Amino acid sequence: MERYLLLSAAAIGILVLGTAAIRAVHRMRAGSARRARRGAAARRRVAHATDRADAATETIAVADRFGAGGPLLLTAEPQTGDLLYAAASPSPPFDLTAPGAADALQDWESAAPARRRTVFVRAYLAHPLPRVRTEALELVGRFGGEDTRVPRHLAALLRDDAASVRRTAAGLAWSGGVEAVVAVLREEPAAEADRAHAELVAHAPEGREPPAL
């Protein structure tokens, strides 16, 4: 009888241990599968981030239309929000291999943070993509008090090829300093001034009119 009980207990023990071992194997396999899925997802995120970083680091040479101070080399296709992020601690937007770049870089390195931000924004006002110029204009609205040349920039961008840029420039002019923008237009050739002034008229707040040329 005792032998039977011992054998039964041993059998039960083996069954329990076997069941536990099987469950442990299943848990290990499930854990391995989860880790594999997480690893694959992480690799996809890294690949996506790398693709975005590669796109963000491609650069283009751009003419310095707004007096940034040197030959420009800008990010070709910055993502939405990148300019605002970069403006907090901007890198020099210059082509450092071009003639005259040494002077531009020296001025940049000796400039205060606010001045660097102004130069950075000026550079991207000349970007060939309208959405980037529009975003740079929005930064002018945020930081424009640091740049005394804003009325001249707005006067030029009121004649931009892109409607979104013209609309944003007009909105900034009307948000404060429309008189200064019109004063700049009075110094320009009549045809160009009339075209820019028409944008101020088209986007004037209700009940307001821009000063006459």
Protein backbone atom coordinates (compact mmCIF):
# COMPACT_ATOMS: atom_id res chain seq x y z
CA MET A 1 0.00 0.00 0.00
CA GLU A 2 2.77 2.37 0.93
CA ARG A 3 4.56 1.51 -2.30
CA TYR A 4 1.41 2.30 -4.25
CA LEU A 5 1.05 5.64 -2.51
CA LEU A 6 4.69 6.46 -3.18
CA LEU A 7 4.33 5.58 -6.85
CA SER A 8 1.12 7.62 -7.12
CA ALA A 9 2.79 10.61 -5.48
CA ALA A 10 5.77 10.26 -7.79
CA ALA A 11 3.47 10.08 -10.83
CA ILE A 12 1.57 13.13 -9.72
CA GLY A 13 4.83 14.96 -9.13
CA ILE A 14 6.10 14.06 -12.56
CA LEU A 15 2.79 15.19 -14.10
CA VAL A 16 2.91 18.49 -12.25
CA LEU A 17 6.52 19.06 -13.21
CA GLY A 18 5.81 18.13 -16.81
CA THR A 19 2.85 20.48 -16.98
CA ALA A 20 4.94 23.27 -15.47
CA ALA A 21 7.74 22.58 -17.93
CA ILE A 22 5.35 22.65 -20.87
CA ARG A 23 3.88 25.94 -19.66
CA ALA A 24 7.36 27.34 -19.21
CA VAL A 25 8.26 26.37 -22.76
CA HIS A 26 5.08 28.00 -24.05
CA ARG A 27 5.84 31.16 -22.07
CA MET A 28 9.39 31.21 -23.44
CA ARG A 29 8.13 30.80 -26.99
CA ALA A 30 5.49 33.49 -26.49
CA GLY A 31 8.09 35.80 -24.99
CA SER A 32 10.47 35.14 -27.86
CA ALA A 33 7.69 35.91 -30.34
CA ARG A 34 6.84 39.16 -28.55
CA ARG A 35 10.50 40.18 -28.49
CA ALA A 36 10.80 39.35 -32.17
CA ARG A 37 7.75 41.48 -32.98
CA ARG A 38 9.04 44.35 -30.86
CA GLY A 39 12.46 44.05 -32.49
CA ALA A 40 10.94 44.11 -35.98
CA ALA A 41 8.82 47.13 -35.06
CA ALA A 42 11.87 48.90 -33.62
CA ARG A 43 13.86 48.18 -36.77
CA ARG A 44 11.04 49.61 -38.87
CA ARG A 45 10.97 52.75 -36.70
CA VAL A 46 14.72 53.13 -36.97
CA ALA A 47 14.56 52.65 -40.74
CA HIS A 48 11.77 55.24 -40.99
CA ALA A 49 13.67 57.68 -38.79
CA THR A 50 16.81 57.11 -40.87
CA ASP A 51 14.90 57.78 -44.07
CA ARG A 52 13.52 61.00 -42.57
CA ALA A 53 16.95 62.01 -41.31
CA ASP A 54 18.47 61.36 -44.74
CA ALA A 55 15.76 63.48 -46.34
CA ALA A 56 16.27 66.18 -43.75
CA THR A 57 20.05 66.30 -44.27
CA GLU A 58 19.88 66.65 -48.06
CA THR A 59 20.71 70.25 -48.86
CA ILE A 60 20.25 72.72 -51.69
CA ALA A 61 22.08 75.91 -52.62
CA VAL A 62 19.78 78.94 -52.56
CA ALA A 63 20.33 82.58 -53.48
CA ASP A 64 20.41 84.92 -50.47
CA ARG A 65 17.31 87.00 -51.30
CA PHE A 66 16.72 88.47 -47.84
CA GLY A 67 20.14 89.42 -46.57
CA ALA A 68 20.96 86.43 -44.40
CA GLY A 69 24.58 87.38 -44.99
CA GLY A 70 26.16 84.63 -47.04
CA PRO A 71 25.78 81.95 -49.72
CA LEU A 72 22.97 79.71 -48.46
CA LEU A 73 22.87 75.93 -48.13
CA LEU A 74 19.46 74.91 -46.79
CA THR A 75 17.76 71.65 -45.89
CA ALA A 76 16.05 70.51 -49.08
CA GLU A 77 12.79 69.23 -47.59
CA PRO A 78 12.42 70.05 -43.89
CA GLN A 79 9.46 68.38 -42.22
CA THR A 80 6.63 70.51 -40.83
CA GLY A 81 7.76 71.91 -37.48
CA ASP A 82 11.47 71.37 -38.16
CA LEU A 83 12.18 75.09 -38.60
CA LEU A 84 10.57 76.00 -35.29
CA TYR A 85 12.57 73.28 -33.56
CA ALA A 86 15.80 74.31 -35.29
CA ALA A 87 15.26 78.01 -34.54
CA ALA A 88 15.73 77.30 -30.82
CA SER A 89 19.39 76.52 -31.51
CA PRO A 90 20.01 77.13 -35.22
CA SER A 91 22.96 75.96 -37.24
CA PRO A 92 24.54 78.38 -39.74
CA PRO A 93 22.51 78.18 -42.97
CA PHE A 94 25.52 78.91 -45.15
CA ASP A 95 27.40 77.00 -47.81
CA LEU A 96 30.70 76.86 -45.98
CA THR A 97 32.56 75.81 -49.13
CA ALA A 98 31.52 78.91 -51.11
CA PRO A 99 33.60 82.08 -51.48
CA GLY A 100 32.83 84.53 -48.71
CA ALA A 101 31.56 81.84 -46.38
CA ALA A 102 34.37 82.43 -43.88
CA ASP A 103 33.18 85.98 -43.21
CA ALA A 104 29.56 84.85 -42.89
CA LEU A 105 30.56 82.13 -40.45
CA GLN A 106 32.65 84.55 -38.40
CA ASP A 107 29.71 86.92 -38.12
CA TRP A 108 27.47 84.00 -37.15
CA GLU A 109 29.79 82.79 -34.42
CA SER A 110 30.08 86.26 -32.88
CA ALA A 111 26.31 86.93 -33.01
CA ALA A 112 23.90 86.77 -30.08
CA PRO A 113 21.30 83.93 -30.10
CA ALA A 114 18.51 86.28 -31.19
CA ARG A 115 20.59 87.50 -34.13
CA ARG A 116 21.35 83.92 -35.18
CA ARG A 117 17.66 83.09 -35.12
CA THR A 118 16.92 86.15 -37.28
CA VAL A 119 19.54 85.14 -39.84
CA PHE A 120 18.27 81.55 -39.85
CA VAL A 121 14.68 82.65 -40.53
CA ARG A 122 15.79 85.10 -43.24
CA ALA A 123 17.58 82.27 -45.01
CA TYR A 124 14.51 80.03 -45.15
CA LEU A 125 12.34 82.86 -46.50
CA ALA A 126 14.24 82.18 -49.75
CA HIS A 127 13.55 78.42 -49.78
CA PRO A 128 12.10 77.16 -53.10
CA LEU A 129 9.24 75.22 -51.45
CA PRO A 130 6.19 77.42 -50.71
CA ARG A 131 5.27 75.47 -47.55
CA VAL A 132 8.76 76.14 -46.17
CA ARG A 133 8.59 79.84 -47.00
CA THR A 134 5.18 79.95 -45.33
CA GLU A 135 6.54 78.28 -42.20
CA ALA A 136 9.48 80.70 -42.17
CA LEU A 137 7.01 83.59 -42.42
CA GLU A 138 5.14 82.20 -39.42
CA LEU A 139 8.45 82.33 -37.54
CA VAL A 140 8.79 85.95 -38.62
CA GLY A 141 5.45 86.50 -36.93
CA ARG A 142 6.81 84.87 -33.80
CA PHE A 143 10.28 86.44 -33.73
CA GLY A 144 9.87 89.41 -36.08
CA GLY A 145 10.46 92.03 -33.41
CA GLU A 146 14.12 91.08 -33.52
CA ASP A 147 14.47 91.99 -37.22
CA THR A 148 14.08 95.60 -38.34
CA ARG A 149 13.96 94.49 -41.99
CA VAL A 150 10.66 92.63 -41.63
CA PRO A 151 8.65 95.29 -43.58
CA ARG A 152 10.98 94.86 -46.55
CA HIS A 153 10.69 91.08 -46.37
CA LEU A 154 6.90 91.27 -46.27
CA ALA A 155 6.82 93.75 -49.15
CA ALA A 156 8.81 91.30 -51.28
CA LEU A 157 6.79 88.25 -50.25
CA LEU A 158 3.50 89.98 -51.06
CA ARG A 159 4.57 89.33 -54.68
CA ASP A 160 5.51 85.70 -54.11
CA ASP A 161 4.50 83.14 -56.75
CA ALA A 162 2.61 81.07 -54.14
CA ALA A 163 -0.79 82.25 -52.94
CA SER A 164 -0.22 80.74 -49.48
CA VAL A 165 2.93 82.81 -49.04
CA ARG A 166 1.24 86.02 -50.21
CA ARG A 167 -1.69 85.40 -47.88
CA THR A 168 0.59 84.78 -44.89
CA ALA A 169 2.68 87.86 -45.69
CA ALA A 170 -0.46 89.99 -45.91
CA GLY A 171 -1.72 88.60 -42.61
CA LEU A 172 1.54 89.48 -40.91
CA ALA A 173 1.48 92.97 -42.38
CA TRP A 174 -2.03 93.52 -41.07
CA SER A 175 -1.19 92.09 -37.66
CA GLY A 176 1.00 95.11 -37.06
CA GLY A 177 3.02 97.49 -39.19
CA VAL A 178 1.01 97.66 -42.40
CA GLU A 179 1.97 101.33 -42.63
CA ALA A 180 5.66 100.39 -42.61
CA VAL A 181 5.11 97.82 -45.36
CA VAL A 182 3.26 100.35 -47.52
CA ALA A 183 6.07 102.85 -46.91
CA VAL A 184 8.48 100.29 -48.38
CA LEU A 185 6.18 99.74 -51.36
CA ARG A 186 6.19 103.48 -52.12
CA GLU A 187 9.91 103.21 -52.82
CA GLU A 188 9.49 100.38 -55.33
CA PRO A 189 8.61 100.41 -59.05
CA ALA A 190 4.94 101.16 -59.59
CA ALA A 191 3.98 97.81 -61.15
CA GLU A 192 5.57 95.77 -58.36
CA ALA A 193 4.17 98.05 -55.67
CA ASP A 194 0.67 97.86 -57.13
CA ARG A 195 0.80 94.05 -57.20
CA ALA A 196 1.87 93.84 -53.57
CA HIS A 197 -0.61 96.51 -52.47
CA ALA A 198 -3.41 94.52 -54.13
CA GLU A 199 -2.64 91.61 -51.79
CA LEU A 200 -3.03 93.91 -48.79
CA VAL A 201 -6.38 95.01 -50.15
CA ALA A 202 -7.49 91.43 -50.86
CA HIS A 203 -6.63 90.24 -47.35
CA ALA A 204 -7.60 93.32 -45.37
CA PRO A 205 -9.55 92.76 -42.16
CA GLU A 206 -13.20 93.67 -42.39
CA GLY A 207 -13.72 97.42 -42.33
CA ARG A 208 -10.07 98.30 -42.94
CA GLU A 209 -8.13 99.53 -45.95
CA PRO A 210 -4.38 99.77 -46.39
CA PRO A 211 -2.79 103.20 -46.69
CA ALA A 212 -2.65 104.46 -50.26
CA LEU A 213 0.57 104.17 -52.22
